[in-house]
Amino acid sequence: MNSRRNCGATMLVVLAVIGVSAVVLAYATESMVDHHRQARLRHEHRQCRLLSEAALARAELQLASSAEYSGETWQVAAADSGLAQDALVLIEVKTSEGGEPMVIATTQYPATGPRRVTHTEQRGGK
C-alpha cells in the first residue's frame, strides 16, 4: 500500500513539474515573440526616418534644378532599394510665411499592409 502512495505522490510531483515547465516555456516563448516584434518595429521606424531624409535631399535637388517642382509621390521598390518591402514617400513643397520653400516628406513603410509605420520630416520654411 505504501508503494502505491509513493507512486501516486511521485506522479503528482511529476505532473506539477511538467505544469510549471509548461508555464515557464509559454512565458519564454511569448517574451521572445514580443522581443522580435519590437526589433522589427524599431527597424521599420529607422527605415522610415532614413527614407524621409533621403526624400528631403531628393526634393532639394529637384528644387535646385526647377523652381516649379511641387513634390511627388515616390514609390521605393524593395527590389531596387535593398529594402525588405516596398515603401511609399509623399513629398510636398509648400511656401512658408517667409516666402521660402518648405519641403515635407511623409514616409509609409511598408507601403501596404495593416502594420505600416509612418514618419514625417520637414525642412526649410524659415
Protein backbone atom coordinates (compact mmCIF):
# COMPACT_ATOMS: atom_id res chain seq x y z
CA MET A 1 0.00 0.00 0.00
CA ASN A 2 2.88 2.36 0.78
CA SER A 3 4.42 1.79 -2.65
CA ARG A 4 1.11 2.81 -4.28
CA ARG A 5 1.01 6.00 -2.22
CA ASN A 6 4.65 6.75 -3.11
CA CYS A 7 3.88 6.08 -6.77
CA GLY A 8 0.86 8.41 -6.64
CA ALA A 9 2.84 11.12 -4.85
CA THR A 10 5.64 10.78 -7.37
CA MET A 11 3.10 11.07 -10.20
CA LEU A 12 1.69 14.28 -8.67
CA VAL A 13 5.17 15.77 -8.31
CA VAL A 14 5.99 14.89 -11.94
CA LEU A 15 2.71 16.43 -13.14
CA ALA A 16 3.39 19.58 -11.11
CA VAL A 17 6.90 19.87 -12.56
CA ILE A 18 5.53 19.41 -16.09
CA GLY A 19 2.85 22.03 -15.43
CA VAL A 20 5.33 24.57 -14.09
CA SER A 21 7.69 23.85 -17.01
CA ALA A 22 4.85 24.42 -19.50
CA VAL A 23 4.03 27.78 -17.90
CA VAL A 24 7.70 28.86 -17.95
CA LEU A 25 8.05 27.75 -21.58
CA ALA A 26 4.90 29.63 -22.59
CA TYR A 27 6.17 32.79 -20.88
CA ALA A 28 9.59 32.48 -22.54
CA THR A 29 8.00 31.97 -25.96
CA GLU A 30 5.75 34.99 -25.52
CA SER A 31 8.72 37.07 -24.41
CA MET A 32 10.75 36.06 -27.48
CA VAL A 33 7.85 36.88 -29.81
CA ASP A 34 7.44 40.31 -28.18
CA HIS A 35 11.17 40.97 -28.46
CA HIS A 36 11.14 40.05 -32.16
CA ARG A 37 8.10 42.28 -32.78
CA GLN A 38 9.77 45.24 -31.04
CA ALA A 39 13.00 44.74 -33.00
CA ARG A 40 11.05 44.68 -36.29
CA LEU A 41 9.17 47.83 -35.32
CA ARG A 42 12.41 49.66 -34.41
CA HIS A 43 13.86 48.61 -37.77
CA GLU A 44 10.78 49.88 -39.64
CA HIS A 45 10.89 53.21 -37.78
CA ARG A 46 14.55 53.60 -38.71
CA GLN A 47 13.81 52.79 -42.35
CA CYS A 48 11.04 55.42 -42.36
CA ARG A 49 13.34 58.06 -40.90
CA LEU A 50 16.10 57.32 -43.41
CA LEU A 51 13.68 57.33 -46.34
CA SER A 52 12.20 60.65 -45.22
CA GLU A 53 15.68 62.17 -45.01
CA ALA A 54 16.50 60.81 -48.49
CA ALA A 55 13.25 62.28 -49.80
CA LEU A 56 14.18 65.71 -48.43
CA ALA A 57 17.55 65.51 -50.20
CA ARG A 58 15.78 64.37 -53.38
CA ALA A 59 13.40 67.33 -53.19
CA GLU A 60 16.25 69.78 -52.60
CA LEU A 61 17.96 68.52 -55.77
CA GLN A 62 14.72 68.87 -57.72
CA LEU A 63 14.16 72.40 -56.39
CA ALA A 64 17.72 73.37 -57.32
CA SER A 65 17.07 72.39 -60.93
CA SER A 66 13.47 73.67 -61.18
CA ALA A 67 11.67 76.22 -59.06
CA GLU A 68 8.41 74.73 -60.40
CA TYR A 69 8.91 71.47 -58.52
CA SER A 70 5.91 70.99 -56.22
CA GLY A 71 6.54 67.48 -54.94
CA GLU A 72 5.81 63.92 -55.94
CA THR A 73 4.81 60.51 -54.76
CA TRP A 74 7.99 58.47 -54.63
CA GLN A 75 7.43 54.73 -54.76
CA VAL A 76 10.52 52.95 -53.50
CA ALA A 77 10.59 49.37 -54.78
CA ALA A 78 12.13 46.80 -52.48
CA ALA A 79 13.87 45.10 -55.40
CA ASP A 80 15.62 48.33 -56.40
CA SER A 81 16.50 49.63 -52.95
CA GLY A 82 17.53 46.64 -50.87
CA LEU A 83 14.58 47.13 -48.52
CA ALA A 84 12.63 44.14 -47.29
CA GLN A 85 9.37 45.65 -48.57
CA ASP A 86 8.19 48.48 -50.81
CA ALA A 87 7.90 51.98 -49.33
CA LEU A 88 5.84 55.00 -50.27
CA VAL A 89 7.02 58.58 -49.75
CA LEU A 90 4.87 61.64 -50.31
CA ILE A 91 6.99 64.74 -50.96
CA GLU A 92 5.24 68.10 -50.71
CA VAL A 93 6.71 71.52 -51.39
CA LYS A 94 4.87 74.44 -49.79
CA THR A 95 5.70 78.10 -49.42
CA SER A 96 6.33 79.28 -45.89
CA GLU A 97 5.07 82.56 -44.46
CA GLY A 98 8.51 84.00 -45.19
CA GLY A 99 8.15 83.04 -48.86
CA GLU A 100 10.77 80.29 -48.79
CA PRO A 101 10.10 76.72 -49.92
CA MET A 102 9.28 74.23 -47.19
CA VAL A 103 9.64 70.54 -48.01
CA ILE A 104 7.61 67.92 -46.16
CA ALA A 105 8.32 64.20 -46.64
CA THR A 106 5.91 61.61 -45.26
CA THR A 107 7.03 58.00 -45.50
CA GLN A 108 4.99 54.82 -45.10
CA TYR A 109 6.91 51.59 -44.62
CA PRO A 110 5.90 49.07 -45.71
CA ALA A 111 3.82 50.73 -48.42
CA THR A 112 0.91 48.36 -47.90
CA GLY A 113 -0.40 46.16 -45.16
CA PRO A 114 -2.10 46.54 -41.80
CA ARG A 115 1.08 47.35 -39.84
CA ARG A 116 2.57 50.37 -41.56
CA VAL A 117 4.90 52.82 -39.89
CA THR A 118 4.56 56.49 -40.88
CA HIS A 119 7.21 59.16 -40.37
CA THR A 120 7.22 62.83 -41.41
CA GLU A 121 10.25 65.10 -41.77
CA GLN A 122 10.24 68.79 -42.67
CA ARG A 123 12.97 71.10 -43.90
CA GLY A 124 13.10 74.77 -44.88
CA GLY A 125 10.46 77.45 -44.50
CA LYS A 126 12.30 79.73 -42.12
